[in-house]
N, C-alpha and C. Protein backbone atom coordinates (compact mmCIF):
# COMPACT_ATOMS: atom_id res chain seq x y z
N UNK A 1 12.67 -0.57 -11.68
CA UNK A 1 11.77 0.20 -11.70
C UNK A 1 11.88 1.33 -12.67
N UNK A 2 11.10 1.51 -13.75
CA UNK A 2 11.70 2.30 -14.88
C UNK A 2 11.80 3.99 -13.79
N UNK A 3 12.24 4.94 -14.48
CA UNK A 3 12.09 6.45 -14.41
C UNK A 3 11.04 6.70 -15.46
N UNK A 4 10.13 7.13 -14.77
CA UNK A 4 8.85 7.88 -15.99
C UNK A 4 8.65 9.29 -15.43
N UNK A 5 8.98 10.18 -16.04
CA UNK A 5 8.86 11.38 -15.47
C UNK A 5 7.56 11.99 -15.70
N UNK A 6 7.18 12.36 -14.37
CA UNK A 6 5.78 13.40 -14.65
C UNK A 6 6.29 14.79 -14.97
N UNK A 7 5.07 15.68 -15.46
CA UNK A 7 5.56 17.08 -15.79
C UNK A 7 6.25 17.92 -15.41
N UNK A 8 5.67 17.49 -13.57
CA UNK A 8 6.70 17.96 -12.44
C UNK A 8 8.07 17.82 -12.42
N UNK A 9 8.45 16.50 -12.51
CA UNK A 9 9.97 16.70 -12.68
C UNK A 9 10.62 17.29 -13.48
N UNK A 10 9.72 18.01 -14.46
CA UNK A 10 10.88 18.70 -16.03
C UNK A 10 11.16 20.32 -15.13
N UNK A 11 10.43 20.65 -14.19
CA UNK A 11 10.48 22.17 -13.30
C UNK A 11 10.20 22.81 -14.46
N UNK A 12 11.21 23.57 -14.58
CA UNK A 12 11.03 24.68 -15.27
C UNK A 12 10.83 24.84 -16.80
N UNK A 13 11.53 23.43 -16.82
CA UNK A 13 11.59 23.22 -18.62
C UNK A 13 10.42 22.46 -19.09
N UNK A 14 8.87 22.29 -18.18
CA UNK A 14 7.63 21.37 -18.58
C UNK A 14 7.23 22.14 -19.65
N UNK A 15 7.21 23.50 -19.38
CA UNK A 15 6.41 24.26 -20.64
C UNK A 15 6.88 23.48 -21.86
N UNK A 16 8.06 24.02 -21.75
CA UNK A 16 9.09 23.57 -23.24
C UNK A 16 8.91 22.16 -23.89
N UNK A 17 8.83 21.18 -22.47
CA UNK A 17 8.61 19.72 -23.08
C UNK A 17 6.80 19.31 -23.39
N UNK A 18 6.18 19.71 -22.97
CA UNK A 18 4.87 19.98 -22.89
C UNK A 18 4.90 20.42 -24.67
N UNK A 19 4.86 21.88 -25.18
CA UNK A 19 5.05 22.64 -26.04
C UNK A 19 5.48 21.50 -27.67
N UNK A 20 7.10 21.15 -27.16
CA UNK A 20 7.61 20.01 -27.88
C UNK A 20 7.02 18.83 -28.63
N UNK A 21 6.50 18.22 -27.40
CA UNK A 21 5.65 16.88 -27.50
C UNK A 21 4.28 16.74 -28.42
N UNK A 22 3.52 18.40 -28.05
CA UNK A 22 2.42 18.60 -28.43
C UNK A 22 2.76 18.92 -30.08
N UNK A 23 3.46 19.54 -30.33
CA UNK A 23 3.91 20.01 -31.79
C UNK A 23 4.10 18.90 -32.45
N UNK A 24 4.83 17.84 -31.65
CA UNK A 24 5.29 16.34 -32.56
C UNK A 24 4.19 15.22 -32.59
N UNK A 25 3.65 15.57 -31.70
CA UNK A 25 2.23 14.37 -31.72
C UNK A 25 0.82 14.81 -31.64
N UNK A 26 0.70 15.90 -30.93
CA UNK A 26 -0.72 16.52 -30.70
C UNK A 26 -0.86 16.55 -29.59
N UNK A 27 -1.77 17.22 -29.31
CA UNK A 27 -2.52 17.53 -27.50
C UNK A 27 -3.37 16.06 -27.22
N UNK A 28 -3.99 15.54 -27.88
CA UNK A 28 -5.04 14.65 -27.62
C UNK A 28 -3.87 13.22 -26.92
N UNK A 29 -2.20 13.01 -27.74
CA UNK A 29 -1.42 12.15 -27.60
C UNK A 29 -1.04 12.54 -26.46
N UNK A 30 -0.70 14.28 -26.13
CA UNK A 30 -0.07 14.59 -24.73
C UNK A 30 -0.97 14.19 -23.81
N UNK A 31 -1.90 14.61 -23.95
CA UNK A 31 -3.17 14.31 -22.83
C UNK A 31 -3.23 12.75 -22.46
N UNK A 32 -3.50 11.75 -23.60
CA UNK A 32 -3.00 10.71 -22.78
C UNK A 32 -1.43 10.28 -22.11
N UNK A 33 -0.82 10.60 -22.60
CA UNK A 33 0.41 10.40 -22.13
C UNK A 33 0.59 10.81 -20.85
N UNK A 34 0.24 12.45 -20.41
CA UNK A 34 -0.05 12.81 -19.04
C UNK A 34 -0.80 11.56 -18.39
N UNK A 35 -1.77 11.26 -18.56
CA UNK A 35 -3.18 10.41 -18.04
C UNK A 35 -2.08 9.14 -17.72
N UNK A 36 -1.63 8.59 -18.80
CA UNK A 36 -0.93 7.24 -18.59
C UNK A 36 0.49 7.39 -17.74
N UNK A 37 1.33 8.17 -17.58
CA UNK A 37 1.99 8.64 -16.47
C UNK A 37 1.26 8.67 -15.23
N UNK A 38 0.38 9.19 -14.90
CA UNK A 38 -0.54 9.30 -13.75
C UNK A 38 -0.96 8.31 -13.34
N UNK A 39 -1.45 6.98 -14.09
CA UNK A 39 -2.18 6.16 -13.78
C UNK A 39 -1.17 4.74 -13.29
N UNK A 40 0.82 5.32 -14.02
CA UNK A 40 1.46 4.42 -13.89
C UNK A 40 1.98 4.81 -12.44
N UNK A 41 2.11 6.09 -11.83
CA UNK A 41 2.63 6.11 -10.59
C UNK A 41 1.52 5.90 -9.44
N UNK A 42 0.34 5.94 -9.78
CA UNK A 42 -0.94 5.38 -9.33
C UNK A 42 -0.59 3.73 -8.67
N UNK A 43 -0.50 3.29 -9.72
CA UNK A 43 -0.44 1.71 -9.83
C UNK A 43 1.08 1.14 -8.87
N UNK A 44 1.98 2.00 -8.95
CA UNK A 44 3.17 1.68 -8.03
C UNK A 44 3.12 2.10 -6.64
N UNK A 45 1.93 3.06 -6.18
CA UNK A 45 1.81 3.28 -4.96
C UNK A 45 1.19 2.28 -4.29
N UNK A 46 0.29 2.04 -5.37
CA UNK A 46 -0.98 0.56 -4.52
C UNK A 46 -0.35 -0.73 -4.32
N UNK A 47 0.95 -1.03 -5.64
CA UNK A 47 1.67 -2.00 -5.41
C UNK A 47 2.83 -2.29 -3.94
N UNK A 48 3.11 -0.90 -3.96
CA UNK A 48 4.12 -0.84 -2.89
C UNK A 48 3.32 -0.72 -1.20
N UNK A 49 2.21 -0.35 -1.45
CA UNK A 49 1.59 -0.25 -0.37
C UNK A 49 1.11 -1.48 0.10
N UNK A 50 0.88 -2.73 -0.72
CA UNK A 50 0.54 -3.47 -0.14
C UNK A 50 1.42 -4.72 0.01
N UNK A 51 3.15 -3.88 0.09
CA UNK A 51 4.00 -4.83 0.50
C UNK A 51 4.07 -4.69 2.05
N UNK A 52 3.55 -3.93 2.44
CA UNK A 52 3.59 -4.05 4.14
C UNK A 52 5.18 -3.80 4.76
N UNK A 53 5.36 -2.91 3.95
CA UNK A 53 7.16 -2.64 4.52
C UNK A 53 7.64 -1.89 5.78
N UNK A 54 8.81 -2.10 6.57
CA UNK A 54 8.86 -1.23 7.62
C UNK A 54 9.52 0.10 6.74
N UNK A 55 8.45 1.15 7.20
CA UNK A 55 8.82 2.26 6.14
C UNK A 55 10.43 3.16 6.67
N UNK A 56 10.67 3.01 8.21
CA UNK A 56 11.71 3.24 8.46
C UNK A 56 13.35 2.67 7.87
N UNK A 57 12.87 1.32 7.67
CA UNK A 57 13.98 0.58 7.00
C UNK A 57 14.25 0.92 5.42
N UNK A 58 13.04 1.50 4.79
CA UNK A 58 13.02 1.16 3.25
C UNK A 58 13.80 2.60 3.01
N UNK A 59 14.66 2.25 1.78
CA UNK A 59 15.50 3.28 1.08
C UNK A 59 15.02 3.28 -0.02
N UNK A 60 14.86 4.15 -0.73
CA UNK A 60 14.76 4.26 -2.57
C UNK A 60 15.95 5.28 -3.30
N UNK A 61 16.33 4.20 -3.73
CA UNK A 61 17.43 4.96 -4.67
C UNK A 61 17.01 5.51 -6.07
N UNK A 62 17.67 6.39 -7.10
CA UNK A 62 16.99 6.61 -8.33
C UNK A 62 18.71 6.71 -8.94
N UNK A 63 18.71 5.70 -10.04
CA UNK A 63 19.80 5.88 -10.97
C UNK A 63 19.66 6.18 -12.25
N UNK A 64 20.20 7.40 -13.00
CA UNK A 64 20.06 7.75 -14.04
C UNK A 64 21.32 8.40 -14.76
N UNK A 65 21.59 8.20 -15.78
CA UNK A 65 22.54 8.93 -16.54
C UNK A 65 22.07 9.85 -17.63
N UNK A 66 22.98 11.00 -17.55
CA UNK A 66 22.32 12.69 -18.85
C UNK A 66 22.64 11.78 -19.98
N UNK A 67 21.75 12.50 -21.09
CA UNK A 67 21.73 11.84 -22.29
C UNK A 67 22.95 12.54 -23.00
N UNK A 68 24.17 11.92 -22.43
CA UNK A 68 25.30 12.57 -23.13
C UNK A 68 26.04 11.73 -24.24
N UNK A 69 25.31 10.84 -25.28
CA UNK A 69 26.20 9.76 -26.02
C UNK A 69 26.92 9.15 -25.62
N UNK A 70 27.36 7.98 -26.46
CA UNK A 70 28.31 6.74 -26.04
C UNK A 70 29.07 7.67 -24.86
N UNK A 71 29.66 5.87 -23.59
CA UNK A 71 30.56 6.29 -23.10
C UNK A 71 31.71 5.87 -23.49
N UNK A 72 32.93 6.87 -23.11
CA UNK A 72 34.46 6.56 -23.77
C UNK A 72 35.12 5.77 -23.17
N UNK A 73 35.65 4.76 -23.71
CA UNK A 73 36.43 3.87 -23.11
C UNK A 73 37.87 4.19 -23.14
N UNK A 74 38.40 4.43 -21.33
CA UNK A 74 39.67 5.06 -21.42
C UNK A 74 40.46 3.52 -22.23
N UNK A 75 41.51 3.99 -22.82
CA UNK A 75 42.37 2.74 -23.34
C UNK A 75 44.30 3.31 -22.35
């Protein structure tokens, strides 16, 4: 499952992210971007709900790395 961030995920930085995006891409693209992300997560929810999972046994893990440049290989 890819990590697709909603505006809320950015917390205090959400205003900065929104402004930077709109400055680069424009308001209409921002609005489309937000709509696409909302639709993505709605679809994910619909698919998961159809799996008939035993929720007490479900574990969800998110893995991510900061954007810190290439990894350094130790020799």
